PDB file of N, CA and C in Angstrom:
ATOM      1  N   MET A   1       0.748  -1.477  -0.255  1.00  0.00           N
ATOM      2  CA  MET A   1       0.051  -0.332  -0.319  1.00  0.00           C
ATOM      3  C   MET A   1       1.044   1.172  -0.032  1.00  0.00           C
ATOM      4  N   GLN A   2       0.456   2.106  -0.560  1.00  0.00           N
ATOM      5  CA  GLN A   2       1.645   3.634  -1.012  1.00  0.00           C
ATOM      6  C   GLN A   2       0.469   4.733  -0.172  1.00  0.00           C
ATOM      7  N   ARG A   3       0.823   5.351   0.712  1.00  0.00           N
ATOM      8  CA  ARG A   3       0.224   6.514   1.475  1.00  0.00           C
ATOM      9  C   ARG A   3       0.598   7.863   1.315  1.00  0.00           C
ATOM     10  N   PHE A   4       0.102   8.565   0.690  1.00  0.00           N
ATOM     11  CA  PHE A   4       0.362  10.111   0.377  1.00  0.00           C
ATOM     12  C   PHE A   4      -0.310  10.791   1.344  1.00  0.00           C
ATOM     13  N   ASN A   5       0.035  12.136   1.705  1.00  0.00           N
ATOM     14  CA  ASN A   5      -0.178  13.004   2.513  1.00  0.00           C
ATOM     15  C   ASN A   5      -0.518  14.282   1.821  1.00  0.00           C
ATOM     16  N   VAL A   6      -1.749  15.203   1.939  1.00  0.00           N
ATOM     17  CA  VAL A   6      -2.226  16.024   1.033  1.00  0.00           C
ATOM     18  C   VAL A   6      -2.679  16.826   2.315  1.00  0.00           C
ATOM     19  N   ASP A   7      -2.193  17.947   2.618  1.00  0.00           N
ATOM     20  CA  ASP A   7      -3.039  18.605   3.413  1.00  0.00           C
ATOM     21  C   ASP A   7      -2.796  18.300   4.435  1.00  0.00           C
ATOM     22  N   GLY A   8      -2.894  17.280   5.379  1.00  0.00           N
ATOM     23  CA  GLY A   8      -2.558  16.516   6.419  1.00  0.00           C
ATOM     24  C   GLY A   8      -3.934  14.936   6.244  1.00  0.00           C
ATOM     25  N   LEU A   9      -4.390  15.467   5.186  1.00  0.00           N
ATOM     26  CA  LEU A   9      -4.986  14.062   4.749  1.00  0.00           C
ATOM     27  C   LEU A   9      -4.096  12.941   4.386  1.00  0.00           C
ATOM     28  N   ASN A  10      -4.902  11.485   4.703  1.00  0.00           N
ATOM     29  CA  ASN A  10      -3.918  10.767   4.046  1.00  0.00           C
ATOM     30  C   ASN A  10      -4.364   9.809   2.899  1.00  0.00           C
ATOM     31  N   PHE A  11      -3.848   9.865   1.973  1.00  0.00           N
ATOM     32  CA  PHE A  11      -4.831   9.076   1.028  1.00  0.00           C
ATOM     33  C   PHE A  11      -3.753   7.383   0.701  1.00  0.00           C
ATOM     34  N   ASP A  12      -4.872   6.574   0.400  1.00  0.00           N
ATOM     35  CA  ASP A  12      -3.815   5.205   0.560  1.00  0.00           C
ATOM     36  C   ASP A  12      -4.410   4.447  -1.109  1.00  0.00           C
ATOM     37  N   PHE A  13      -3.352   3.809  -1.924  1.00  0.00           N
ATOM     38  CA  PHE A  13      -3.709   3.440  -3.227  1.00  0.00           C
ATOM     39  C   PHE A  13      -2.322   2.314  -2.546  1.00  0.00           C
ATOM     40  N   PRO A  14      -3.383   1.128  -3.622  1.00  0.00           N
ATOM     41  CA  PRO A  14      -2.736  -0.120  -3.880  1.00  0.00           C
ATOM     42  C   PRO A  14      -1.269  -0.018  -5.081  1.00  0.00           C
ATOM     43  N   ASP A  15      -0.207  -1.108  -4.447  1.00  0.00           N
ATOM     44  CA  ASP A  15       1.029  -0.987  -4.939  1.00  0.00           C
ATOM     45  C   ASP A  15       0.954  -1.417  -6.261  1.00  0.00           C
ATOM     46  N   ASP A  16       0.103  -1.639  -6.721  1.00  0.00           N
ATOM     47  CA  ASP A  16       0.372  -1.791  -8.380  1.00  0.00           C
ATOM     48  C   ASP A  16      -0.540  -0.452  -8.946  1.00  0.00           C
ATOM     49  N   TRP A  17      -0.827   0.804  -8.393  1.00  0.00           N
ATOM     50  CA  TRP A  17      -1.324   1.862  -8.756  1.00  0.00           C
ATOM     51  C   TRP A  17       0.754   2.616  -9.032  1.00  0.00           C
ATOM     52  N   GLN A  18       0.580   3.599 -10.411  1.00  0.00           N
ATOM     53  CA  GLN A  18       1.075   4.480 -10.233  1.00  0.00           C
ATOM     54  C   GLN A  18       0.448   5.763  -9.815  1.00  0.00           C
ATOM     55  N   VAL A  19       1.438   6.508  -8.935  1.00  0.00           N
ATOM     56  CA  VAL A  19       1.120   7.643  -8.017  1.00  0.00           C
ATOM     57  C   VAL A  19       2.273   8.865  -7.462  1.00  0.00           C
ATOM     58  N   CYS A  20       2.042   9.866  -7.826  1.00  0.00           N
ATOM     59  CA  CYS A  20       2.780  10.967  -7.758  1.00  0.00           C
ATOM     60  C   CYS A  20       1.910  11.884  -6.960  1.00  0.00           C
ATOM     61  N   LYS A  21       2.945  12.768  -6.208  1.00  0.00           N
ATOM     62  CA  LYS A  21       2.684  14.379  -5.749  1.00  0.00           C
ATOM     63  C   LYS A  21       3.199  15.316  -6.446  1.00  0.00           C
ATOM     64  N   TYR A  22       1.856  15.306  -7.968  1.00  0.00           N
ATOM     65  CA  TYR A  22       2.659  16.427  -8.942  1.00  0.00           C
ATOM     66  C   TYR A  22       2.688  17.326  -8.355  1.00  0.00           C
ATOM     67  N   ASP A  23       2.418  18.396  -7.568  1.00  0.00           N
ATOM     68  CA  ASP A  23       2.785  19.640  -7.371  1.00  0.00           C
ATOM     69  C   ASP A  23       4.352  19.687  -6.744  1.00  0.00           C
ATOM     70  N   ASP A  24       4.957  18.364  -6.134  1.00  0.00           N
ATOM     71  CA  ASP A  24       6.620  17.945  -5.817  1.00  0.00           C
ATOM     72  C   ASP A  24       7.180  18.199  -6.846  1.00  0.00           C
ATOM     73  N   TRP A  25       6.879  17.460  -8.384  1.00  0.00           N
ATOM     74  CA  TRP A  25       8.042  17.348  -9.237  1.00  0.00           C
ATOM     75  C   TRP A  25       8.517  18.369  -9.498  1.00  0.00           C
ATOM     76  N   SER A  26      10.003  17.959  -9.626  1.00  0.00           N
ATOM     77  CA  SER A  26      10.769  18.886 -10.230  1.00  0.00           C
ATOM     78  C   SER A  26      10.187  19.537 -11.610  1.00  0.00           C
ATOM     79  N   PHE A  27      10.060  18.651 -12.114  1.00  0.00           N
ATOM     80  CA  PHE A  27       9.619  18.625 -13.780  1.00  0.00           C
ATOM     81  C   PHE A  27       8.861  20.432 -13.398  1.00  0.00           C
ATOM     82  N   TYR A  28       8.182  20.571 -13.044  1.00  0.00           N
ATOM     83  CA  TYR A  28       6.870  20.886 -12.570  1.00  0.00           C
ATOM     84  C   TYR A  28       7.358  22.571 -11.838  1.00  0.00           C
ATOM     85  N   ARG A  29       8.082  22.065 -10.449  1.00  0.00           N
ATOM     86  CA  ARG A  29       8.394  23.297  -9.827  1.00  0.00           C
ATOM     87  C   ARG A  29       9.736  23.865 -10.475  1.00  0.00           C
ATOM     88  N   ASN A  30      10.927  23.767 -11.059  1.00  0.00           N
ATOM     89  CA  ASN A  30      11.948  24.194 -11.871  1.00  0.00           C
ATOM     90  C   ASN A  30      11.787  24.272 -13.209  1.00  0.00           C
ATOM     91  N   GLN A  31      10.863  23.850 -14.137  1.00  0.00           N
ATOM     92  CA  GLN A  31      10.510  24.139 -15.491  1.00  0.00           C
ATOM     93  C   GLN A  31       9.058  24.906 -15.708  1.00  0.00           C
ATOM     94  N   PHE A  32       8.644  24.086 -15.399  1.00  0.00           N
ATOM     95  CA  PHE A  32       6.629  24.461 -16.291  1.00  0.00           C
ATOM     96  C   PHE A  32       6.189  25.547 -14.983  1.00  0.00           C
ATOM     97  N   SER A  33       6.242  25.366 -13.981  1.00  0.00           N
ATOM     98  CA  SER A  33       5.863  26.441 -13.385  1.00  0.00           C
ATOM     99  C   SER A  33       5.997  27.601 -13.082  1.00  0.00           C
ATOM    100  N   ARG A  34       7.719  27.825 -13.863  1.00  0.00           N
ATOM    101  CA  ARG A  34       8.474  29.281 -14.078  1.00  0.00           C
ATOM    102  C   ARG A  34       8.185  29.834 -15.190  1.00  0.00           C
ATOM    103  N   MET A  35       7.605  29.321 -16.246  1.00  0.00           N
ATOM    104  CA  MET A  35       7.017  29.820 -17.726  1.00  0.00           C
ATOM    105  C   MET A  35       6.159  30.660 -17.454  1.00  0.00           C
ATOM    106  N   TRP A  36       5.338  31.280 -16.603  1.00  0.00           N
ATOM    107  CA  TRP A  36       4.891  32.742 -15.820  1.00  0.00           C
ATOM    108  C   TRP A  36       4.031  32.680 -14.974  1.00  0.00           C
ATOM    109  N   ASN A  37       3.567  33.807 -14.218  1.00  0.00           N
ATOM    110  CA  ASN A  37       2.848  33.771 -12.897  1.00  0.00           C
ATOM    111  C   ASN A  37       1.683  33.219 -12.974  1.00  0.00           C
ATOM    112  N   GLY A  38       1.176  32.254 -11.977  1.00  0.00           N
ATOM    113  CA  GLY A  38      -0.038  31.665 -12.627  1.00  0.00           C
ATOM    114  C   GLY A  38      -0.687  30.471 -12.227  1.00  0.00           C
ATOM    115  N   ILE A  39       0.428  29.928 -13.095  1.00  0.00           N
ATOM    116  CA  ILE A  39       0.785  28.381 -12.905  1.00  0.00           C
ATOM    117  C   ILE A  39       0.318  28.013 -12.250  1.00  0.00           C
ATOM    118  N   LYS A  40      -0.908  26.716 -12.127  1.00  0.00           N
ATOM    119  CA  LYS A  40      -1.072  26.082 -10.754  1.00  0.00           C
ATOM    120  C   LYS A  40      -1.116  24.202 -11.158  1.00  0.00           C
ATOM    121  N   SER A  41      -1.143  23.737 -10.459  1.00  0.00           N
ATOM    122  CA  SER A  41      -0.905  21.999 -10.449  1.00  0.00           C
ATOM    123  C   SER A  41      -2.240  21.227  -9.191  1.00  0.00           C
ATOM    124  N   LEU A  42      -2.302  20.156  -9.823  1.00  0.00           N
ATOM    125  CA  LEU A  42      -2.883  19.703  -8.987  1.00  0.00           C
ATOM    126  C   LEU A  42      -2.363  18.939  -8.063  1.00  0.00           C
ATOM    127  N   ASP A  43      -3.160  17.892  -7.004  1.00  0.00           N
ATOM    128  CA  ASP A  43      -1.913  17.528  -5.998  1.00  0.00           C
ATOM    129  C   ASP A  43      -1.723  16.365  -6.107  1.00  0.00           C
ATOM    130  N   LEU A  44      -2.719  15.267  -6.943  1.00  0.00           N
ATOM    131  CA  LEU A  44      -1.873  13.901  -7.230  1.00  0.00           C
ATOM    132  C   LEU A  44      -2.462  13.458  -8.779  1.00  0.00           C
ATOM    133  N   LEU A  45      -1.004  12.657  -9.337  1.00  0.00           N
ATOM    134  CA  LEU A  45      -1.703  12.300 -10.476  1.00  0.00           C
ATOM    135  C   LEU A  45      -1.387  10.627 -10.217  1.00  0.00           C
ATOM    136  N   ALA A  46      -2.741   9.606 -10.609  1.00  0.00           N
ATOM    137  CA  ALA A  46      -2.105   8.622 -10.678  1.00  0.00           C
ATOM    138  C   ALA A  46      -2.856   7.687 -11.864  1.00  0.00           C
ATOM    139  N   LEU A  47      -2.255   6.411 -11.994  1.00  0.00           N
ATOM    140  CA  LEU A  47      -2.693   5.815 -13.056  1.00  0.00           C
ATOM    141  C   LEU A  47      -2.743   4.498 -12.348  1.00  0.00           C
ATOM    142  N   ASP A  48      -4.205   3.987 -12.576  1.00  0.00           N
ATOM    143  CA  ASP A  48      -4.553   2.353 -12.130  1.00  0.00           C
ATOM    144  C   ASP A  48      -4.048   1.198 -13.031  1.00  0.00           C
ATOM    145  N   PRO A  49      -4.091  -0.336 -12.758  1.00  0.00           N
ATOM    146  CA  PRO A  49      -3.967  -0.895 -13.147  1.00  0.00           C
ATOM    147  C   PRO A  49      -4.399  -0.975 -14.654  1.00  0.00           C
ATOM    148  N   ASN A  50      -5.895  -0.546 -14.847  1.00  0.00           N
ATOM    149  CA  ASN A  50      -6.422  -0.799 -16.170  1.00  0.00           C
ATOM    150  C   ASN A  50      -6.244   0.736 -17.162  1.00  0.00           C
ATOM    151  N   LYS A  51      -5.244   1.136 -16.947  1.00  0.00           N
ATOM    152  CA  LYS A  51      -4.825   2.717 -17.648  1.00  0.00           C
ATOM    153  C   LYS A  51      -5.797   3.709 -17.189  1.00  0.00           C
ATOM    154  N   THR A  52      -6.624   4.004 -16.371  1.00  0.00           N
ATOM    155  CA  THR A  52      -6.910   5.011 -16.070  1.00  0.00           C
ATOM    156  C   THR A  52      -6.225   6.061 -15.711  1.00  0.00           C
ATOM    157  N   ALA A  53      -6.005   7.233 -16.066  1.00  0.00           N
ATOM    158  CA  ALA A  53      -5.163   8.152 -15.425  1.00  0.00           C
ATOM    159  C   ALA A  53      -6.425   9.055 -14.650  1.00  0.00           C
ATOM    160  N   TRP A  54      -6.136   9.280 -13.314  1.00  0.00           N
ATOM    161  CA  TRP A  54      -6.495   9.935 -11.997  1.00  0.00           C
ATOM    162  C   TRP A  54      -6.054  11.523 -11.879  1.00  0.00           C
ATOM    163  N   LEU A  55      -6.833  12.621 -12.340  1.00  0.00           N
ATOM    164  CA  LEU A  55      -6.046  13.787 -11.797  1.00  0.00           C
ATOM    165  C   LEU A  55      -6.838  13.978 -10.038  1.00  0.00           C
ATOM    166  N   ILE A  56      -6.045  14.521  -9.293  1.00  0.00           N
ATOM    167  CA  ILE A  56      -7.073  14.726  -8.204  1.00  0.00           C
ATOM    168  C   ILE A  56      -6.598  15.609  -7.572  1.00  0.00           C
ATOM    169  N   GLU A  57      -7.557  16.430  -7.163  1.00  0.00           N
ATOM    170  CA  GLU A  57      -7.287  17.551  -6.029  1.00  0.00           C
ATOM    171  C   GLU A  57      -8.176  17.662  -4.921  1.00  0.00           C
ATOM    172  N   VAL A  58      -7.241  18.102  -3.689  1.00  0.00           N
ATOM    173  CA  VAL A  58      -7.908  17.708  -2.236  1.00  0.00           C
ATOM    174  C   VAL A  58      -7.948  19.672  -1.756  1.00  0.00           C
ATOM    175  N   LYS A  59      -8.888  19.769  -1.585  1.00  0.00           N
ATOM    176  CA  LYS A  59      -9.417  20.785  -0.493  1.00  0.00           C
ATOM    177  C   LYS A  59      -9.911  20.129   0.431  1.00  0.00           C
ATOM    178  N   ASP A  60      -9.498  20.955   2.067  1.00  0.00           N
ATOM    179  CA  ASP A  60     -10.310  20.664   3.115  1.00  0.00           C
ATOM    180  C   ASP A  60     -10.249  21.818   3.665  1.00  0.00           C
ATOM    181  N   TYR A  61     -11.859  22.324   3.654  1.00  0.00           N
ATOM    182  CA  TYR A  61     -12.327  23.069   4.211  1.00  0.00           C
ATOM    183  C   TYR A  61     -12.622  23.129   5.715  1.00  0.00           C
ATOM    184  N   ARG A  62     -12.460  22.011   6.115  1.00  0.00           N
ATOM    185  CA  ARG A  62     -12.650  21.845   7.614  1.00  0.00           C
ATOM    186  C   ARG A  62     -12.752  22.846   8.955  1.00  0.00           C
ATOM    187  N   VAL A  63     -10.857  22.532   8.407  1.00  0.00           N
ATOM    188  CA  VAL A  63      -9.875  22.972   9.112  1.00  0.00           C
ATOM    189  C   VAL A  63      -9.673  25.142   9.254  1.00  0.00           C
ATOM    190  N   ASN A  64      -9.625  24.964   7.370  1.00  0.00           N
ATOM    191  CA  ASN A  64      -9.119  26.392   7.049  1.00  0.00           C
ATOM    192  C   ASN A  64     -10.786  27.284   6.197  1.00  0.00           C
ATOM    193  N   SER A  65     -11.601  28.096   6.499  1.00  0.00           N
ATOM    194  CA  SER A  65     -12.495  28.284   5.739  1.00  0.00           C
ATOM    195  C   SER A  65     -12.044  28.746   3.819  1.00  0.00           C
ATOM    196  N   ARG A  66     -13.119  28.570   2.702  1.00  0.00           N
ATOM    197  CA  ARG A  66     -12.581  29.115   1.619  1.00  0.00           C
ATOM    198  C   ARG A  66     -12.676  30.681   1.824  1.00  0.00           C
ATOM    199  N   THR A  67     -11.582  31.360   1.520  1.00  0.00           N
ATOM    200  CA  THR A  67     -11.279  32.896   1.738  1.00  0.00           C
ATOM    201  C   THR A  67     -11.064  33.639  -0.003  1.00  0.00           C
ATOM    202  N   LYS A  68     -10.546  32.307  -0.796  1.00  0.00           N
ATOM    203  CA  LYS A  68     -10.236  33.483  -2.095  1.00  0.00           C
ATOM    204  C   LYS A  68     -11.618  33.590  -3.280  1.00  0.00           C
ATOM    205  N   PRO A  69     -11.495  35.089  -3.888  1.00  0.00           N
ATOM    206  CA  PRO A  69     -12.784  35.297  -4.186  1.00  0.00           C
ATOM    207  C   PRO A  69     -13.198  34.604  -5.065  1.00  0.00           C
ATOM    208  N   SER A  70     -12.378  33.709  -6.222  1.00  0.00           N
ATOM    209  CA  SER A  70     -12.955  32.955  -7.479  1.00  0.00           C
ATOM    210  C   SER A  70     -13.667  32.185  -6.768  1.00  0.00           C
ATOM    211  N   ASP A  71     -14.428  31.326  -8.240  1.00  0.00           N
ATOM    212  CA  ASP A  71     -15.427  30.757  -7.846  1.00  0.00           C
ATOM    213  C   ASP A  71     -14.033  28.959  -7.518  1.00  0.00           C
ATOM    214  N   LEU A  72     -14.624  28.533  -6.417  1.00  0.00           N
ATOM    215  CA  LEU A  72     -13.817  27.228  -6.592  1.00  0.00           C
ATOM    216  C   LEU A  72     -14.135  26.340  -8.044  1.00  0.00           C
ATOM    217  N   SER A  73     -15.004  25.867  -8.350  1.00  0.00           N
ATOM    218  CA  SER A  73     -14.769  25.272  -9.829  1.00  0.00           C
ATOM    219  C   SER A  73     -14.238  25.970 -11.099  1.00  0.00           C
ATOM    220  N   GLU A  74     -13.928  26.785 -10.977  1.00  0.00           N
ATOM    221  CA  GLU A  74     -12.631  28.061 -12.045  1.00  0.00           C
ATOM    222  C   GLU A  74     -11.403  27.752 -11.229  1.00  0.00           C
ATOM    223  N   GLU A  75     -11.331  27.515  -9.797  1.00  0.00           N
ATOM    224  CA  GLU A  75     -10.023  27.256  -9.517  1.00  0.00           C
ATOM    225  C   GLU A  75      -9.984  25.897  -9.890  1.00  0.00           C
ATOM    226  N   VAL A  76     -10.408  25.117  -9.271  1.00  0.00           N
ATOM    227  CA  VAL A  76     -10.129  23.300 -10.051  1.00  0.00           C
ATOM    228  C   VAL A  76      -9.960  23.583 -11.719  1.00  0.00           C
ATOM    229  N   ALA A  77     -10.659  23.973 -12.458  1.00  0.00           N
ATOM    230  CA  ALA A  77     -10.200  23.761 -14.035  1.00  0.00           C
ATOM    231  C   ALA A  77      -9.324  24.791 -14.160  1.00  0.00           C
ATOM    232  N   HIS A  78      -8.593  25.517 -13.706  1.00  0.00           N
ATOM    233  CA  HIS A  78      -7.349  26.281 -13.909  1.00  0.00           C
ATOM    234  C   HIS A  78      -6.321  25.271 -13.551  1.00  0.00           C
ATOM    235  N   LYS A  79      -6.688  24.324 -12.486  1.00  0.00           N
ATOM    236  CA  LYS A  79      -5.510  23.403 -12.099  1.00  0.00           C
ATOM    237  C   LYS A  79      -5.608  22.524 -13.318  1.00  0.00           C
ATOM    238  N   VAL A  80      -6.710  21.784 -13.056  1.00  0.00           N
ATOM    239  CA  VAL A  80      -6.632  20.938 -14.663  1.00  0.00           C
ATOM    240  C   VAL A  80      -6.364  21.342 -15.719  1.00  0.00           C
ATOM    241  N   PHE A  81      -6.131  22.413 -16.552  1.00  0.00           N
ATOM    242  CA  PHE A  81      -5.765  22.630 -17.626  1.00  0.00           C
ATOM    243  C   PHE A  81      -4.685  23.196 -17.680  1.00  0.00           C
ATOM    244  N   ASP A  82      -3.686  23.533 -16.755  1.00  0.00           N
ATOM    245  CA  ASP A  82      -2.562  23.839 -16.184  1.00  0.00           C
ATOM    246  C   ASP A  82      -1.751  22.429 -16.199  1.00  0.00           C
ATOM    247  N   THR A  83      -2.541  21.452 -15.573  1.00  0.00           N
ATOM    248  CA  THR A  83      -1.552  20.211 -15.295  1.00  0.00           C
ATOM    249  C   THR A  83      -1.661  19.644 -16.560  1.00  0.00           C
ATOM    250  N   LEU A  84      -2.857  19.664 -17.401  1.00  0.00           N
ATOM    251  CA  LEU A  84      -2.927  18.762 -18.536  1.00  0.00           C
ATOM    252  C   LEU A  84      -1.598  19.419 -19.603  1.00  0.00           C
ATOM    253  N   ALA A  85      -1.589  20.744 -19.504  1.00  0.00           N
ATOM    254  CA  ALA A  85      -0.849  21.455 -20.195  1.00  0.00           C
ATOM    255  C   ALA A  85       0.687  21.049 -20.095  1.00  0.00           C
ATOM    256  N   ALA A  86       0.735  20.564 -19.016  1.00  0.00           N
ATOM    257  CA  ALA A  86       2.464  20.150 -18.919  1.00  0.00           C
ATOM    258  C   ALA A  86       2.969  19.163 -18.887  1.00  0.00           C
ATOM    259  N   ILE A  87       1.468  17.910 -19.629  1.00  0.00           N
ATOM    260  CA  ILE A  87       1.904  16.648 -19.495  1.00  0.00           C
ATOM    261  C   ILE A  87       3.003  16.374 -20.831  1.00  0.00           C
ATOM    262  N   ILE A  88       2.953  16.816 -21.748  1.00  0.00           N
ATOM    263  CA  ILE A  88       3.641  16.915 -23.700  1.00  0.00           C
ATOM    264  C   ILE A  88       4.536  17.424 -23.065  1.00  0.00           C
ATOM    265  N   PRO A  89       4.962  18.716 -22.692  1.00  0.00           N
ATOM    266  CA  PRO A  89       6.839  19.544 -22.472  1.00  0.00           C
ATOM    267  C   PRO A  89       7.110  18.294 -20.993  1.00  0.00           C
ATOM    268  N   ALA A  90       6.195  17.686 -20.121  1.00  0.00           N
ATOM    269  CA  ALA A  90       7.159  16.911 -19.174  1.00  0.00           C
ATOM    270  C   ALA A  90       7.612  15.763 -20.257  1.00  0.00           C
ATOM    271  N   LYS A  91       6.758  15.233 -20.799  1.00  0.00           N
ATOM    272  CA  LYS A  91       7.526  13.629 -21.472  1.00  0.00           C
ATOM    273  C   LYS A  91       8.890  13.962 -22.335  1.00  0.00           C
ATOM    274  N   VAL A  92       9.042  15.305 -22.993  1.00  0.00           N
ATOM    275  CA  VAL A  92      10.209  15.787 -23.676  1.00  0.00           C
ATOM    276  C   VAL A  92      11.474  16.502 -22.558  1.00  0.00           C
ATOM    277  N   HIS A  93      10.487  17.004 -21.950  1.00  0.00           N
ATOM    278  CA  HIS A  93      11.716  17.721 -20.539  1.00  0.00           C
ATOM    279  C   HIS A  93      12.053  16.869 -19.615  1.00  0.00           C
ATOM    280  N   ALA A  94      11.212  16.502 -19.092  1.00  0.00           N
ATOM    281  CA  ALA A  94      11.289  15.656 -17.830  1.00  0.00           C
ATOM    282  C   ALA A  94      13.108  15.306 -17.112  1.00  0.00           C
ATOM    283  N   THR A  95      13.793  15.639 -16.486  1.00  0.00           N
ATOM    284  CA  THR A  95      14.975  15.182 -16.211  1.00  0.00           C
ATOM    285  C   THR A  95      14.514  13.961 -15.538  1.00  0.00           C
ATOM    286  N   ASP A  96      13.458  13.678 -14.525  1.00  0.00           N
ATOM    287  CA  ASP A  96      13.568  12.811 -13.570  1.00  0.00           C
ATOM    288  C   ASP A  96      12.752  11.247 -14.182  1.00  0.00           C
ATOM    289  N   THR A  97      13.506  10.509 -14.004  1.00  0.00           N
ATOM    290  CA  THR A  97      12.960   8.929 -15.215  1.00  0.00           C
ATOM    291  C   THR A  97      11.406   8.759 -14.501  1.00  0.00           C
ATOM    292  N   ASP A  98      11.264   9.096 -13.068  1.00  0.00           N
ATOM    293  CA  ASP A  98       9.820   8.281 -12.814  1.00  0.00           C
ATOM    294  C   ASP A  98       8.748   9.788 -13.479  1.00  0.00           C
ATOM    295  N   GLU A  99       8.961  11.021 -12.983  1.00  0.00           N
ATOM    296  CA  GLU A  99       8.133  11.349 -13.658  1.00  0.00           C
ATOM    297  C   GLU A  99       7.957  11.348 -15.009  1.00  0.00           C
ATOM    298  N   LYS A 100       8.770  11.219 -15.930  1.00  0.00           N
ATOM    299  CA  LYS A 100       8.853  11.074 -17.582  1.00  0.00           C
ATOM    300  C   LYS A 100       7.967   9.688 -17.792  1.00  0.00           C
ATOM    301  N   GLN A 101       8.251   8.604 -16.440  1.00  0.00           N
ATOM    302  CA  GLN A 101       7.507   7.255 -17.490  1.00  0.00           C
ATOM    303  C   GLN A 101       6.047   7.275 -16.465  1.00  0.00           C
ATOM    304  N   LEU A 102       5.718   8.297 -15.513  1.00  0.00           N
ATOM    305  CA  LEU A 102       4.591   8.186 -15.340  1.00  0.00           C
ATOM    306  C   LEU A 102       3.912   9.289 -16.694  1.00  0.00           C
ATOM    307  N   VAL A 103       4.272  10.425 -16.809  1.00  0.00           N
ATOM    308  CA  VAL A 103       3.897  11.014 -17.600  1.00  0.00           C
ATOM    309  C   VAL A 103       3.634  10.497 -18.998  1.00  0.00           C
ATOM    310  N   LEU A 104       4.518   9.105 -19.500  1.00  0.00           N
ATOM    311  CA  LEU A 104       4.773   8.381 -20.633  1.00  0.00           C
ATOM    312  C   LEU A 104       2.923   7.667 -20.124  1.00  0.00           C
ATOM    313  N   ASN A 105       3.157   6.795 -19.300  1.00  0.00           N
ATOM    314  CA  ASN A 105       2.074   5.814 -19.502  1.00  0.00           C
ATOM    315  C   ASN A 105       0.847   6.997 -19.302  1.00  0.00           C
ATOM    316  N   CYS A 106       0.368   8.050 -18.287  1.00  0.00           N
ATOM    317  CA  CYS A 106      -1.124   8.573 -18.579  1.00  0.00           C
ATOM    318  C   CYS A 106      -1.000   9.408 -19.868  1.00  0.00           C
ATOM    319  N   ILE A 107      -0.111   9.676 -20.576  1.00  0.00           N
ATOM    320  CA  ILE A 107      -0.395   9.745 -22.254  1.00  0.00           C
ATOM    321  C   ILE A 107      -0.862   8.521 -22.860  1.00  0.00           C
ATOM    322  N   ASN A 108      -0.448   7.108 -22.481  1.00  0.00           N
ATOM    323  CA  ASN A 108      -0.851   6.298 -23.429  1.00  0.00           C
ATOM    324  C   ASN A 108      -2.266   5.530 -22.397  1.00  0.00           C
ATOM    325  N   SER A 109      -2.853   6.434 -21.488  1.00  0.00           N
ATOM    326  CA  SER A 109      -4.049   5.733 -20.773  1.00  0.00           C
ATOM    327  C   SER A 109      -5.370   5.685 -21.697  1.00  0.00           C
ATOM    328  N   ASN A 110      -6.009   4.812 -21.487  1.00  0.00           N
ATOM    329  CA  ASN A 110      -7.395   4.628 -21.954  1.00  0.00           C
ATOM    330  C   ASN A 110      -8.236   5.992 -21.758  1.00  0.00           C
ATOM    331  N   ARG A 111      -8.770   6.488 -20.598  1.00  0.00           N
ATOM    332  CA  ARG A 111      -9.194   7.859 -19.910  1.00  0.00           C
ATOM    333  C   ARG A 111      -8.752   8.481 -18.720  1.00  0.00           C
ATOM    334  N   ILE A 112      -9.002   9.465 -18.816  1.00  0.00           N
ATOM    335  CA  ILE A 112      -8.744  10.273 -17.855  1.00  0.00           C
ATOM    336  C   ILE A 112      -9.776  11.069 -17.329  1.00  0.00           C
ATOM    337  N   LEU A 113      -9.478  10.784 -15.876  1.00  0.00           N
ATOM    338  CA  LEU A 113     -10.993  11.324 -14.560  1.00  0.00           C
ATOM    339  C   LEU A 113     -10.266  11.700 -13.868  1.00  0.00           C
ATOM    340  N   GLN A 114     -11.206  13.181 -13.327  1.00  0.00           N
ATOM    341  CA  GLN A 114     -10.708  13.832 -12.468  1.00  0.00           C
ATOM    342  C   GLN A 114     -11.856  13.724 -11.132  1.00  0.00           C
ATOM    343  N   ILE A 115     -11.092  13.593  -9.906  1.00  0.00           N
ATOM    344  CA  ILE A 115     -11.964  13.786  -9.147  1.00  0.00           C
ATOM    345  C   ILE A 115     -11.062  14.721  -7.825  1.00  0.00           C
ATOM    346  N   ILE A 116     -12.001  15.185  -7.036  1.00  0.00           N
ATOM    347  CA  ILE A 116     -11.896  16.602  -5.844  1.00  0.00           C
ATOM    348  C   ILE A 116     -12.372  16.038  -4.739  1.00  0.00           C
ATOM    349  N   TYR A 117     -11.419  15.976  -3.731  1.00  0.00           N
ATOM    350  CA  TYR A 117     -11.852  15.664  -2.504  1.00  0.00           C
ATOM    351  C   TYR A 117     -12.022  16.790  -1.601  1.00  0.00           C
ATOM    352  N   LEU A 118     -13.488  16.960  -1.561  1.00  0.00           N
ATOM    353  CA  LEU A 118     -13.822  17.989  -0.627  1.00  0.00           C
ATOM    354  C   LEU A 118     -14.095  17.987   1.212  1.00  0.00           C
TER     355      LEU A 118
END
């Protein structure tokens, strides 16, 4: 079992899933996010054994209430758009082999699903 902590919440995935904290990626932090201000990222990328790519965003407003003036759906859509926009450049420019492999597998996935954990 693989465990990922996102903002104090633990998420467990079976060992046969490929999962990463996308916003911790070297490619995202050191290359893609520096292209211009305002680029956002989803929290987790996962690929299950059936070749479904999962884009996961976590928001926990039980501890800190939402204070941003933008609509939550707009915020998440921005993160999804930016994360998807990073996948092709990561295929070419990522220097971390694990990041590059997950991107290649996501590109070759059968479908992409997005979930938001609120």
